[in-house]
Amino acid sequence: MNITKTIGAAIIMACSSAAFAGAVVDLAPSQFTGGLSGIMNTQMSELIGVTQADSYHEFAIYAGQGRGEAALYEGTLMTRVVRSNETGNLTFNYRVMSPNAQLSGSISHIEVGGFDGFNTRVEFRNELTSPGIEGPESAQRSVDGDILDFTFDTGLATADDSRFFFAMTDAVSYYENAALATIYLQSGESVSMSVVGANPAVPAPGALGLLSAAGLISVRRRR
């Protein structure tokens, strides 16, 4: 069942003055968006910042989930934490890179946890200078708000690196290995790994509950 929610103008006006405004998609817990289309720095100055940490997580996904089985997908999940020059808040960026093109697996979606208690805005980078070929077309947030699920509707094959896809947050601190990322293939197999995550003890003061008009006007939940 599709559910469409429209928020009244008064609520939108009350929230539109918050820091969470701009050309990205605001996701509250349980919300889904099929409208990811990419963004550039020139469209939103808040994206520009200083890299705090880069991490690389090599992974392999096997048929039947067993290491004794044939490998279907091998690659690296890169995570990058950037602190905005404008707000001081953190953006968590993710990218699948260096896949083994000799394999035949295709990534359907990637779940990343660690967002419970934080505002999140999602998109992917599509500057001409940005690495990668394809960004996710849709994203969904879990009911408890902890997990963001980025979906490649047509699949991310081993011939292609992904674009950087990201979650802009109101977090100001982070931990290494504080969150879990799970990569799923279209055939159903998956692999999980620990990645950098927001520090739940240190949200930005007064930020909880503020949502931008971009995410409030019209959101629908996946069937």
N, C-alpha and C. Protein backbone atom coordinates (compact mmCIF):
# COMPACT_ATOMS: atom_id res chain seq x y z
N MET A 1 0.85 -1.19 0.00
CA MET A 1 0.00 0.00 0.00
C MET A 1 0.89 1.23 0.00
N ASN A 2 0.63 2.17 -0.89
CA ASN A 2 1.33 3.44 -0.92
C ASN A 2 0.63 4.42 0.00
N ILE A 3 1.41 5.13 0.78
CA ILE A 3 0.85 6.13 1.68
C ILE A 3 1.50 7.46 1.33
N THR A 4 0.71 8.48 1.03
CA THR A 4 1.23 9.80 0.74
C THR A 4 0.82 10.74 1.85
N LYS A 5 1.81 11.46 2.38
CA LYS A 5 1.55 12.37 3.49
C LYS A 5 1.83 13.79 3.03
N THR A 6 0.88 14.68 3.25
CA THR A 6 1.07 16.09 2.92
C THR A 6 0.95 16.90 4.20
N ILE A 7 1.95 17.68 4.49
CA ILE A 7 1.98 18.46 5.72
C ILE A 7 1.47 19.87 5.44
N GLY A 8 0.70 20.40 6.34
CA GLY A 8 0.11 21.74 6.16
C GLY A 8 1.15 22.83 6.03
N ALA A 9 0.72 23.93 5.41
CA ALA A 9 1.63 25.04 5.15
C ALA A 9 2.21 25.63 6.43
N ALA A 10 1.43 25.62 7.50
CA ALA A 10 1.92 26.20 8.74
C ALA A 10 3.11 25.42 9.28
N ILE A 11 3.02 24.08 9.19
CA ILE A 11 4.12 23.25 9.68
C ILE A 11 5.34 23.44 8.81
N ILE A 12 5.13 23.50 7.50
CA ILE A 12 6.24 23.68 6.57
C ILE A 12 6.96 24.99 6.85
N MET A 13 6.20 26.06 7.07
CA MET A 13 6.82 27.35 7.33
C MET A 13 7.59 27.32 8.63
N ALA A 14 7.09 26.58 9.61
CA ALA A 14 7.77 26.52 10.90
C ALA A 14 9.11 25.81 10.77
N CYS A 15 9.19 24.84 9.88
CA CYS A 15 10.40 24.05 9.76
C CYS A 15 11.37 24.59 8.73
N SER A 16 10.91 25.40 7.81
CA SER A 16 11.75 25.80 6.70
C SER A 16 12.88 26.73 7.11
N SER A 17 12.81 27.31 8.30
CA SER A 17 13.88 28.17 8.76
C SER A 17 15.00 27.39 9.41
N ALA A 18 14.85 26.07 9.55
CA ALA A 18 15.88 25.25 10.17
C ALA A 18 17.08 25.15 9.25
N ALA A 19 18.19 24.64 9.82
CA ALA A 19 19.42 24.49 9.04
C ALA A 19 19.25 23.44 7.96
N PHE A 20 18.28 22.56 8.10
CA PHE A 20 18.10 21.48 7.15
C PHE A 20 17.27 21.93 5.97
N ALA A 21 17.82 22.81 5.15
CA ALA A 21 17.16 23.25 3.93
C ALA A 21 18.14 23.11 2.79
N GLY A 22 17.64 22.79 1.61
CA GLY A 22 18.53 22.69 0.48
C GLY A 22 18.09 21.62 -0.49
N ALA A 23 18.89 21.46 -1.54
CA ALA A 23 18.52 20.56 -2.63
C ALA A 23 18.93 19.13 -2.35
N VAL A 24 18.49 18.60 -1.25
CA VAL A 24 18.69 17.20 -0.88
C VAL A 24 17.37 16.68 -0.33
N VAL A 25 17.29 15.37 -0.10
CA VAL A 25 16.03 14.77 0.34
C VAL A 25 16.11 14.45 1.82
N ASP A 26 15.21 15.02 2.59
CA ASP A 26 15.15 14.84 4.03
C ASP A 26 14.38 13.56 4.35
N LEU A 27 14.99 12.65 5.11
CA LEU A 27 14.33 11.39 5.45
C LEU A 27 14.12 11.29 6.96
N ALA A 28 12.87 11.30 7.38
CA ALA A 28 12.52 11.00 8.75
C ALA A 28 12.34 9.49 8.88
N PRO A 29 12.32 8.95 10.11
CA PRO A 29 12.09 7.52 10.28
C PRO A 29 10.85 7.04 9.54
N SER A 30 10.97 5.89 8.89
CA SER A 30 9.94 5.18 8.12
C SER A 30 9.68 5.78 6.74
N GLN A 31 10.37 6.83 6.36
CA GLN A 31 10.09 7.46 5.08
C GLN A 31 10.92 6.87 3.94
N PHE A 32 10.39 7.01 2.73
CA PHE A 32 11.02 6.50 1.50
C PHE A 32 11.02 7.60 0.46
N THR A 33 12.07 7.66 -0.35
CA THR A 33 12.09 8.57 -1.48
C THR A 33 12.60 7.84 -2.71
N GLY A 34 11.95 8.06 -3.82
CA GLY A 34 12.42 7.52 -5.09
C GLY A 34 13.01 8.61 -5.95
N GLY A 35 13.33 9.76 -5.35
CA GLY A 35 13.70 10.92 -6.13
C GLY A 35 15.16 11.30 -6.12
N LEU A 36 16.07 10.36 -5.85
CA LEU A 36 17.48 10.72 -5.86
C LEU A 36 17.95 10.93 -7.29
N SER A 37 18.58 12.07 -7.55
CA SER A 37 19.01 12.39 -8.91
C SER A 37 20.40 12.98 -8.97
N GLY A 38 21.05 13.17 -7.83
CA GLY A 38 22.40 13.69 -7.80
C GLY A 38 22.45 15.18 -7.49
N ILE A 39 23.60 15.63 -6.96
CA ILE A 39 23.76 17.02 -6.57
C ILE A 39 25.23 17.41 -6.70
N MET A 40 25.47 18.71 -6.91
CA MET A 40 26.82 19.25 -7.01
C MET A 40 27.04 20.29 -5.93
N ASN A 41 28.32 20.56 -5.61
CA ASN A 41 28.65 21.58 -4.61
C ASN A 41 28.02 22.92 -4.93
N THR A 42 27.96 23.25 -6.22
CA THR A 42 27.42 24.55 -6.62
C THR A 42 25.94 24.68 -6.30
N GLN A 43 25.27 23.55 -6.07
CA GLN A 43 23.85 23.58 -5.74
C GLN A 43 23.62 23.71 -4.24
N MET A 44 24.65 23.46 -3.45
CA MET A 44 24.48 23.49 -2.00
C MET A 44 25.83 23.67 -1.32
N SER A 45 26.10 24.88 -0.86
CA SER A 45 27.41 25.19 -0.29
C SER A 45 27.69 24.40 0.99
N GLU A 46 26.63 23.94 1.66
CA GLU A 46 26.81 23.19 2.90
C GLU A 46 27.56 21.88 2.68
N LEU A 47 27.57 21.39 1.45
CA LEU A 47 28.29 20.16 1.15
C LEU A 47 29.80 20.33 1.22
N ILE A 48 30.29 21.55 1.06
CA ILE A 48 31.72 21.79 1.02
C ILE A 48 32.29 21.73 2.43
N GLY A 49 33.35 20.93 2.61
CA GLY A 49 33.91 20.80 3.94
C GLY A 49 35.27 20.15 3.92
N VAL A 50 35.71 19.73 5.08
CA VAL A 50 37.02 19.13 5.28
C VAL A 50 36.87 17.65 5.62
N THR A 51 37.59 16.80 4.91
CA THR A 51 37.53 15.36 5.18
C THR A 51 38.14 15.07 6.55
N GLN A 52 37.37 14.36 7.37
CA GLN A 52 37.82 13.98 8.71
C GLN A 52 38.43 12.57 8.75
N ALA A 53 37.90 11.68 7.89
CA ALA A 53 38.39 10.30 7.91
C ALA A 53 37.99 9.59 6.62
N ASP A 54 38.91 8.83 6.06
CA ASP A 54 38.66 7.93 4.94
C ASP A 54 38.96 6.51 5.39
N SER A 55 38.06 5.57 5.09
CA SER A 55 38.29 4.16 5.43
C SER A 55 37.93 3.31 4.22
N TYR A 56 38.63 2.18 4.09
CA TYR A 56 38.41 1.27 2.96
C TYR A 56 38.17 -0.13 3.51
N HIS A 57 37.05 -0.72 3.10
CA HIS A 57 36.64 -2.03 3.61
C HIS A 57 36.50 -3.00 2.44
N GLU A 58 37.48 -3.87 2.28
CA GLU A 58 37.40 -4.87 1.22
C GLU A 58 36.36 -5.93 1.61
N PHE A 59 35.58 -6.40 0.64
CA PHE A 59 34.54 -7.38 0.93
C PHE A 59 34.38 -8.34 -0.23
N ALA A 60 33.82 -9.48 0.08
CA ALA A 60 33.49 -10.48 -0.94
C ALA A 60 32.15 -11.10 -0.57
N ILE A 61 31.34 -11.36 -1.59
CA ILE A 61 30.04 -12.00 -1.39
C ILE A 61 30.03 -13.30 -2.19
N TYR A 62 29.65 -14.37 -1.50
CA TYR A 62 29.72 -15.70 -2.10
C TYR A 62 28.34 -16.29 -2.33
N ALA A 63 28.25 -17.15 -3.32
CA ALA A 63 27.01 -17.89 -3.57
C ALA A 63 26.69 -18.72 -2.35
N GLY A 64 25.44 -18.70 -1.93
CA GLY A 64 25.04 -19.49 -0.77
C GLY A 64 25.62 -18.99 0.53
N GLN A 65 26.21 -17.78 0.53
CA GLN A 65 26.75 -17.14 1.72
C GLN A 65 27.96 -17.88 2.29
N GLY A 66 28.52 -18.86 1.60
CA GLY A 66 29.62 -19.63 2.15
C GLY A 66 30.93 -19.32 1.46
N ARG A 67 32.02 -19.18 2.23
CA ARG A 67 33.32 -18.87 1.65
C ARG A 67 33.84 -20.01 0.79
N GLY A 68 33.33 -21.20 0.96
CA GLY A 68 33.74 -22.30 0.12
C GLY A 68 33.04 -22.32 -1.23
N GLU A 69 32.07 -21.41 -1.40
CA GLU A 69 31.32 -21.33 -2.65
C GLU A 69 31.97 -20.33 -3.60
N ALA A 70 31.43 -20.24 -4.80
CA ALA A 70 31.98 -19.32 -5.79
C ALA A 70 31.71 -17.88 -5.39
N ALA A 71 32.71 -17.04 -5.62
CA ALA A 71 32.53 -15.61 -5.36
C ALA A 71 31.64 -14.99 -6.43
N LEU A 72 30.69 -14.16 -5.98
CA LEU A 72 29.79 -13.47 -6.90
C LEU A 72 30.17 -12.00 -7.07
N TYR A 73 30.74 -11.42 -6.02
CA TYR A 73 31.09 -10.00 -6.07
C TYR A 73 32.25 -9.76 -5.12
N GLU A 74 33.26 -9.05 -5.58
CA GLU A 74 34.38 -8.61 -4.75
C GLU A 74 34.62 -7.13 -5.02
N GLY A 75 34.84 -6.38 -3.97
CA GLY A 75 35.09 -4.95 -4.15
C GLY A 75 35.49 -4.30 -2.84
N THR A 76 35.43 -2.98 -2.81
CA THR A 76 35.80 -2.19 -1.63
C THR A 76 34.70 -1.18 -1.35
N LEU A 77 34.27 -1.12 -0.09
CA LEU A 77 33.35 -0.07 0.34
C LEU A 77 34.19 1.02 0.99
N MET A 78 34.18 2.20 0.39
CA MET A 78 34.88 3.34 0.96
C MET A 78 33.91 4.18 1.77
N THR A 79 34.34 4.63 2.93
CA THR A 79 33.55 5.56 3.74
C THR A 79 34.37 6.84 3.94
N ARG A 80 33.71 7.96 3.86
CA ARG A 80 34.38 9.26 4.04
C ARG A 80 33.51 10.14 4.92
N VAL A 81 34.10 10.68 5.98
CA VAL A 81 33.41 11.61 6.87
C VAL A 81 33.89 13.02 6.57
N VAL A 82 32.96 13.92 6.29
CA VAL A 82 33.30 15.31 5.95
C VAL A 82 32.58 16.25 6.91
N ARG A 83 33.33 17.23 7.44
CA ARG A 83 32.73 18.24 8.31
C ARG A 83 32.45 19.50 7.49
N SER A 84 31.22 19.95 7.47
CA SER A 84 30.82 21.10 6.68
C SER A 84 31.51 22.38 7.17
N ASN A 85 32.08 23.13 6.24
CA ASN A 85 32.65 24.43 6.59
C ASN A 85 31.58 25.40 7.07
N GLU A 86 30.37 25.19 6.61
CA GLU A 86 29.28 26.13 6.88
C GLU A 86 28.60 25.87 8.21
N THR A 87 28.37 24.61 8.55
CA THR A 87 27.60 24.28 9.77
C THR A 87 28.40 23.56 10.84
N GLY A 88 29.51 22.93 10.47
CA GLY A 88 30.26 22.12 11.42
C GLY A 88 29.70 20.72 11.59
N ASN A 89 28.58 20.42 10.92
CA ASN A 89 27.98 19.09 11.02
C ASN A 89 28.67 18.10 10.08
N LEU A 90 28.42 16.81 10.31
CA LEU A 90 29.10 15.75 9.57
C LEU A 90 28.22 15.16 8.48
N THR A 91 28.85 14.88 7.34
CA THR A 91 28.23 14.12 6.27
C THR A 91 28.98 12.80 6.14
N PHE A 92 28.22 11.70 6.09
CA PHE A 92 28.79 10.36 5.95
C PHE A 92 28.60 9.91 4.50
N ASN A 93 29.73 9.73 3.81
CA ASN A 93 29.73 9.38 2.39
C ASN A 93 30.16 7.93 2.21
N TYR A 94 29.58 7.28 1.20
CA TYR A 94 29.87 5.87 0.93
C TYR A 94 30.06 5.68 -0.58
N ARG A 95 30.98 4.77 -0.93
CA ARG A 95 31.19 4.48 -2.34
C ARG A 95 31.68 3.06 -2.52
N VAL A 96 31.10 2.32 -3.47
CA VAL A 96 31.60 0.99 -3.84
C VAL A 96 32.60 1.19 -4.97
N MET A 97 33.79 0.65 -4.80
CA MET A 97 34.85 0.89 -5.76
C MET A 97 35.67 -0.38 -6.01
N SER A 98 36.39 -0.37 -7.12
CA SER A 98 37.33 -1.43 -7.50
C SER A 98 36.69 -2.82 -7.49
N PRO A 99 35.52 -2.99 -8.11
CA PRO A 99 34.92 -4.34 -8.15
C PRO A 99 35.70 -5.24 -9.11
N ASN A 100 35.62 -6.53 -8.85
CA ASN A 100 36.24 -7.53 -9.72
C ASN A 100 35.33 -7.73 -10.94
N ALA A 101 35.74 -7.18 -12.07
CA ALA A 101 34.89 -7.19 -13.26
C ALA A 101 34.72 -8.59 -13.85
N GLN A 102 35.49 -9.56 -13.39
CA GLN A 102 35.36 -10.93 -13.90
C GLN A 102 34.20 -11.67 -13.26
N LEU A 103 33.63 -11.09 -12.21
CA LEU A 103 32.51 -11.74 -11.53
C LEU A 103 31.19 -11.20 -12.07
N SER A 104 30.10 -11.88 -11.73
CA SER A 104 28.81 -11.57 -12.36
C SER A 104 27.76 -11.04 -11.41
N GLY A 105 28.11 -10.78 -10.15
CA GLY A 105 27.12 -10.29 -9.20
C GLY A 105 26.71 -8.86 -9.48
N SER A 106 25.56 -8.47 -8.95
CA SER A 106 25.04 -7.11 -9.12
C SER A 106 24.43 -6.65 -7.79
N ILE A 107 24.86 -5.50 -7.29
CA ILE A 107 24.37 -4.99 -6.00
C ILE A 107 22.99 -4.37 -6.18
N SER A 108 22.06 -4.79 -5.33
CA SER A 108 20.71 -4.22 -5.38
C SER A 108 20.55 -3.07 -4.41
N HIS A 109 21.04 -3.21 -3.18
CA HIS A 109 20.90 -2.12 -2.21
C HIS A 109 21.93 -2.27 -1.10
N ILE A 110 22.17 -1.15 -0.42
CA ILE A 110 23.16 -1.09 0.66
C ILE A 110 22.52 -0.42 1.87
N GLU A 111 22.54 -1.11 3.00
CA GLU A 111 22.02 -0.57 4.25
C GLU A 111 23.18 -0.08 5.11
N VAL A 112 22.99 1.08 5.71
CA VAL A 112 23.99 1.63 6.63
C VAL A 112 23.28 2.08 7.89
N GLY A 113 23.76 1.64 9.05
CA GLY A 113 23.14 1.98 10.32
C GLY A 113 23.87 3.10 11.05
N GLY A 114 23.35 3.43 12.23
CA GLY A 114 23.98 4.42 13.09
C GLY A 114 23.35 5.79 13.07
N PHE A 115 22.11 5.92 12.56
CA PHE A 115 21.49 7.24 12.42
C PHE A 115 20.34 7.49 13.39
N ASP A 116 20.11 6.60 14.33
CA ASP A 116 19.04 6.78 15.29
C ASP A 116 19.28 8.05 16.11
N GLY A 117 18.28 8.93 16.16
CA GLY A 117 18.40 10.16 16.93
C GLY A 117 18.95 11.34 16.17
N PHE A 118 19.29 11.14 14.89
CA PHE A 118 19.84 12.23 14.08
C PHE A 118 18.93 12.55 12.91
N ASN A 119 18.91 13.81 12.52
CA ASN A 119 18.29 14.19 11.26
C ASN A 119 19.19 13.72 10.13
N THR A 120 18.61 13.29 9.03
CA THR A 120 19.41 12.85 7.89
C THR A 120 18.82 13.39 6.59
N ARG A 121 19.71 13.76 5.68
CA ARG A 121 19.34 14.15 4.32
C ARG A 121 20.21 13.33 3.38
N VAL A 122 19.64 12.86 2.29
CA VAL A 122 20.34 11.91 1.44
C VAL A 122 20.38 12.38 -0.01
N GLU A 123 21.41 11.96 -0.73
CA GLU A 123 21.58 12.18 -2.16
C GLU A 123 22.86 11.46 -2.59
N PHE A 124 23.27 11.68 -3.85
CA PHE A 124 24.59 11.23 -4.29
C PHE A 124 25.26 12.35 -5.07
N ARG A 125 26.59 12.27 -5.21
CA ARG A 125 27.35 13.31 -5.88
C ARG A 125 27.41 13.02 -7.38
N ASN A 126 27.20 14.06 -8.20
CA ASN A 126 27.24 13.84 -9.64
C ASN A 126 28.02 14.92 -10.40
N GLU A 127 28.99 15.56 -9.72
CA GLU A 127 29.88 16.44 -10.46
C GLU A 127 30.64 15.64 -11.52
N LEU A 128 31.05 16.30 -12.59
CA LEU A 128 31.83 15.64 -13.62
C LEU A 128 33.14 15.11 -13.06
N THR A 129 33.64 15.76 -12.01
CA THR A 129 34.90 15.34 -11.40
C THR A 129 34.72 14.27 -10.33
N SER A 130 33.47 13.97 -9.96
CA SER A 130 33.23 12.95 -8.95
C SER A 130 33.53 11.57 -9.51
N PRO A 131 34.16 10.70 -8.72
CA PRO A 131 34.45 9.35 -9.21
C PRO A 131 33.18 8.51 -9.29
N GLY A 132 33.26 7.44 -10.06
CA GLY A 132 32.14 6.51 -10.13
C GLY A 132 31.22 6.76 -11.31
N ILE A 133 30.33 5.80 -11.54
CA ILE A 133 29.44 5.82 -12.70
C ILE A 133 27.97 6.01 -12.31
N GLU A 134 27.54 5.33 -11.25
CA GLU A 134 26.11 5.26 -10.96
C GLU A 134 25.82 5.56 -9.50
N GLY A 135 24.75 6.31 -9.26
CA GLY A 135 24.30 6.58 -7.91
C GLY A 135 23.00 5.85 -7.63
N PRO A 136 22.63 5.68 -6.36
CA PRO A 136 21.36 5.04 -6.04
C PRO A 136 20.18 5.90 -6.47
N GLU A 137 19.10 5.24 -6.91
CA GLU A 137 17.91 5.98 -7.34
C GLU A 137 16.92 6.24 -6.22
N SER A 138 16.99 5.45 -5.15
CA SER A 138 16.02 5.61 -4.07
C SER A 138 16.67 5.32 -2.73
N ALA A 139 15.99 5.75 -1.66
CA ALA A 139 16.48 5.51 -0.30
C ALA A 139 15.29 5.41 0.64
N GLN A 140 15.48 4.64 1.68
CA GLN A 140 14.44 4.45 2.69
C GLN A 140 15.09 4.43 4.06
N ARG A 141 14.36 4.94 5.07
CA ARG A 141 14.86 4.92 6.45
C ARG A 141 13.99 4.00 7.28
N SER A 142 14.61 3.25 8.17
CA SER A 142 13.88 2.29 8.99
C SER A 142 12.95 3.01 9.96
N VAL A 143 11.99 2.27 10.48
CA VAL A 143 10.99 2.83 11.38
C VAL A 143 11.64 3.44 12.62
N ASP A 144 12.70 2.80 13.14
CA ASP A 144 13.37 3.32 14.33
C ASP A 144 14.37 4.42 13.99
N GLY A 145 14.56 4.70 12.71
CA GLY A 145 15.45 5.77 12.30
C GLY A 145 16.91 5.41 12.22
N ASP A 146 17.27 4.19 12.58
CA ASP A 146 18.69 3.83 12.67
C ASP A 146 19.32 3.53 11.32
N ILE A 147 18.57 2.92 10.39
CA ILE A 147 19.16 2.39 9.16
C ILE A 147 18.68 3.17 7.94
N LEU A 148 19.63 3.52 7.08
CA LEU A 148 19.34 4.07 5.76
C LEU A 148 19.62 3.00 4.72
N ASP A 149 18.68 2.81 3.80
CA ASP A 149 18.79 1.78 2.77
C ASP A 149 18.81 2.46 1.40
N PHE A 150 19.98 2.43 0.74
CA PHE A 150 20.16 3.03 -0.58
C PHE A 150 20.01 1.94 -1.63
N THR A 151 19.13 2.16 -2.61
CA THR A 151 18.81 1.14 -3.60
C THR A 151 19.25 1.57 -5.01
N PHE A 152 19.94 0.64 -5.68
CA PHE A 152 20.29 0.81 -7.10
C PHE A 152 19.23 0.05 -7.89
N ASP A 153 18.26 0.77 -8.39
CA ASP A 153 17.08 0.13 -8.96
C ASP A 153 17.40 -0.82 -10.10
N THR A 154 18.40 -0.48 -10.90
CA THR A 154 18.78 -1.35 -12.02
C THR A 154 19.99 -2.22 -11.70
N GLY A 155 20.48 -2.13 -10.46
CA GLY A 155 21.62 -2.94 -10.05
C GLY A 155 22.95 -2.25 -10.33
N LEU A 156 23.92 -2.48 -9.45
CA LEU A 156 25.27 -1.98 -9.63
C LEU A 156 26.15 -3.18 -9.98
N ALA A 157 26.50 -3.29 -11.26
CA ALA A 157 27.24 -4.45 -11.75
C ALA A 157 28.73 -4.32 -11.44
N THR A 158 29.47 -5.41 -11.63
CA THR A 158 30.90 -5.41 -11.32
C THR A 158 31.71 -4.58 -12.31
N ALA A 159 31.10 -4.13 -13.37
CA ALA A 159 31.82 -3.30 -14.33
C ALA A 159 31.86 -1.83 -13.90
N ASP A 160 31.08 -1.46 -12.86
CA ASP A 160 30.91 -0.05 -12.51
C ASP A 160 31.23 0.23 -11.05
N ASP A 161 31.96 1.33 -10.80
CA ASP A 161 32.06 1.88 -9.45
C ASP A 161 30.83 2.74 -9.20
N SER A 162 30.45 2.88 -7.94
CA SER A 162 29.33 3.77 -7.63
C SER A 162 29.82 5.20 -7.45
N ARG A 163 28.90 6.14 -7.55
CA ARG A 163 29.15 7.50 -7.12
C ARG A 163 29.22 7.51 -5.59
N PHE A 164 29.72 8.61 -5.01
CA PHE A 164 29.57 8.81 -3.57
C PHE A 164 28.10 9.07 -3.28
N PHE A 165 27.47 8.25 -2.44
CA PHE A 165 26.14 8.55 -1.93
C PHE A 165 26.29 8.85 -0.45
N PHE A 166 25.40 9.68 0.10
CA PHE A 166 25.72 10.23 1.41
C PHE A 166 24.49 10.49 2.26
N ALA A 167 24.78 10.67 3.56
CA ALA A 167 23.79 11.12 4.54
C ALA A 167 24.35 12.35 5.23
N MET A 168 23.73 13.50 4.99
CA MET A 168 24.06 14.71 5.73
C MET A 168 23.32 14.64 7.07
N THR A 169 24.01 14.93 8.16
CA THR A 169 23.41 14.78 9.48
C THR A 169 23.63 16.03 10.33
N ASP A 170 23.03 16.01 11.52
CA ASP A 170 23.32 17.04 12.50
C ASP A 170 24.29 16.53 13.56
N ALA A 171 24.97 15.42 13.26
CA ALA A 171 26.00 14.89 14.17
C ALA A 171 27.25 15.77 14.09
N VAL A 172 27.94 15.88 15.20
CA VAL A 172 29.18 16.66 15.24
C VAL A 172 30.38 15.81 15.65
N SER A 173 30.13 14.52 15.95
CA SER A 173 31.19 13.64 16.38
C SER A 173 30.94 12.25 15.80
N TYR A 174 32.00 11.45 15.65
CA TYR A 174 31.86 10.12 15.07
C TYR A 174 32.82 9.14 15.72
N TYR A 175 32.54 7.86 15.54
CA TYR A 175 33.39 6.78 16.02
C TYR A 175 33.74 5.87 14.86
N GLU A 176 34.95 5.32 14.88
CA GLU A 176 35.30 4.25 13.96
C GLU A 176 34.55 2.98 14.38
N ASN A 177 34.12 2.19 13.39
CA ASN A 177 33.46 0.90 13.64
C ASN A 177 32.25 1.02 14.56
N ALA A 178 31.53 2.13 14.44
CA ALA A 178 30.37 2.36 15.31
C ALA A 178 29.06 1.96 14.66
N ALA A 179 29.09 1.60 13.37
CA ALA A 179 27.86 1.29 12.65
C ALA A 179 28.08 0.05 11.78
N LEU A 180 26.96 -0.51 11.32
CA LEU A 180 27.02 -1.70 10.49
C LEU A 180 26.52 -1.37 9.09
N ALA A 181 27.28 -1.78 8.08
CA ALA A 181 26.86 -1.66 6.69
C ALA A 181 26.65 -3.05 6.12
N THR A 182 25.56 -3.24 5.36
CA THR A 182 25.27 -4.52 4.73
C THR A 182 25.01 -4.29 3.25
N ILE A 183 25.73 -5.04 2.42
CA ILE A 183 25.61 -4.93 0.97
C ILE A 183 24.87 -6.16 0.46
N TYR A 184 23.81 -5.95 -0.32
CA TYR A 184 22.96 -7.04 -0.82
C TYR A 184 23.09 -7.14 -2.34
N LEU A 185 23.15 -8.38 -2.83
CA LEU A 185 23.12 -8.62 -4.26
C LEU A 185 21.68 -8.82 -4.72
N GLN A 186 21.45 -8.64 -6.00
CA GLN A 186 20.12 -8.88 -6.56
C GLN A 186 19.70 -10.33 -6.39
N SER A 187 20.66 -11.23 -6.32
CA SER A 187 20.36 -12.65 -6.14
C SER A 187 20.09 -13.03 -4.70
N GLY A 188 20.21 -12.09 -3.76
CA GLY A 188 19.82 -12.32 -2.38
C GLY A 188 20.96 -12.45 -1.39
N GLU A 189 22.17 -12.76 -1.84
CA GLU A 189 23.30 -12.89 -0.93
C GLU A 189 23.72 -11.53 -0.39
N SER A 190 24.42 -11.53 0.74
CA SER A 190 24.82 -10.27 1.36
C SER A 190 26.09 -10.44 2.19
N VAL A 191 26.67 -9.32 2.57
CA VAL A 191 27.80 -9.31 3.49
C VAL A 191 27.69 -8.06 4.34
N SER A 192 28.11 -8.16 5.60
CA SER A 192 28.05 -7.03 6.53
C SER A 192 29.45 -6.70 7.05
N MET A 193 29.64 -5.44 7.40
CA MET A 193 30.94 -5.00 7.92
C MET A 193 30.72 -3.79 8.83
N SER A 194 31.66 -3.58 9.77
CA SER A 194 31.60 -2.42 10.65
C SER A 194 32.22 -1.22 9.95
N VAL A 195 31.53 -0.07 10.04
CA VAL A 195 32.02 1.16 9.41
C VAL A 195 31.90 2.31 10.40
N VAL A 196 32.44 3.45 10.02
CA VAL A 196 32.36 4.64 10.86
C VAL A 196 30.91 5.06 11.03
N GLY A 197 30.58 5.60 12.20
CA GLY A 197 29.21 6.02 12.46
C GLY A 197 29.15 7.24 13.35
N ALA A 198 27.99 7.89 13.38
CA ALA A 198 27.80 9.07 14.21
C ALA A 198 27.87 8.70 15.68
N ASN A 199 28.34 9.63 16.49
CA ASN A 199 28.40 9.44 17.93
C ASN A 199 27.05 9.79 18.53
N PRO A 200 26.29 8.79 19.01
CA PRO A 200 24.93 9.08 19.51
C PRO A 200 24.89 9.94 20.75
N ALA A 201 26.03 10.09 21.42
CA ALA A 201 26.05 10.87 22.65
C ALA A 201 26.18 12.36 22.39
N VAL A 202 26.50 12.73 21.14
CA VAL A 202 26.77 14.14 20.88
C VAL A 202 26.03 14.64 19.64
N PRO A 203 24.69 14.76 19.69
CA PRO A 203 23.97 15.41 18.59
C PRO A 203 24.11 16.92 18.68
N ALA A 204 23.86 17.60 17.59
CA ALA A 204 23.89 19.07 17.62
C ALA A 204 22.77 19.58 18.52
N PRO A 205 23.03 20.57 19.38
CA PRO A 205 22.01 21.06 20.31
C PRO A 205 20.76 21.55 19.60
N GLY A 206 19.61 21.09 20.07
CA GLY A 206 18.33 21.58 19.57
C GLY A 206 17.98 21.16 18.17
N ALA A 207 18.70 20.18 17.62
CA ALA A 207 18.47 19.86 16.21
C ALA A 207 17.40 18.81 16.01
N LEU A 208 17.15 17.97 17.01
CA LEU A 208 16.21 16.87 16.81
C LEU A 208 14.82 17.39 16.51
N GLY A 209 14.17 16.75 15.57
CA GLY A 209 12.80 17.08 15.23
C GLY A 209 12.65 18.15 14.17
N LEU A 210 13.74 18.78 13.73
CA LEU A 210 13.65 19.80 12.70
C LEU A 210 13.77 19.15 11.33
N LEU A 211 12.78 19.34 10.50
CA LEU A 211 12.77 18.75 9.17
C LEU A 211 12.57 19.85 8.13
N SER A 212 13.24 19.71 7.00
CA SER A 212 13.10 20.72 5.96
C SER A 212 11.84 20.50 5.15
N ALA A 213 11.41 21.54 4.48
CA ALA A 213 10.23 21.44 3.63
C ALA A 213 10.42 20.42 2.53
N ALA A 214 11.67 20.24 2.09
CA ALA A 214 11.93 19.31 0.99
C ALA A 214 11.48 17.90 1.35
N GLY A 215 11.66 17.51 2.62
CA GLY A 215 11.29 16.17 2.99
C GLY A 215 9.86 16.05 3.49
N LEU A 216 9.23 17.20 3.79
CA LEU A 216 7.90 17.16 4.39
C LEU A 216 6.79 17.25 3.36
N ILE A 217 7.03 17.92 2.26
CA ILE A 217 5.95 18.20 1.32
C ILE A 217 5.28 16.92 0.83
N SER A 218 6.09 15.98 0.38
CA SER A 218 5.47 14.74 -0.11
C SER A 218 6.45 13.61 -0.04
N VAL A 219 6.17 12.63 0.82
CA VAL A 219 6.99 11.44 0.92
C VAL A 219 6.07 10.24 0.90
N ARG A 220 6.57 9.14 0.39
CA ARG A 220 5.73 7.95 0.36
C ARG A 220 6.54 6.74 0.80
N ARG A 221 5.88 5.82 1.36
CA ARG A 221 6.53 4.61 1.84
C ARG A 221 6.49 3.56 0.75
N ARG A 222 7.56 2.77 0.69
CA ARG A 222 7.64 1.68 -0.28
C ARG A 222 6.56 0.66 0.00
N ARG A 223 6.06 0.04 -1.08
CA ARG A 223 5.04 -0.99 -0.92
C ARG A 223 5.54 -2.09 0.01
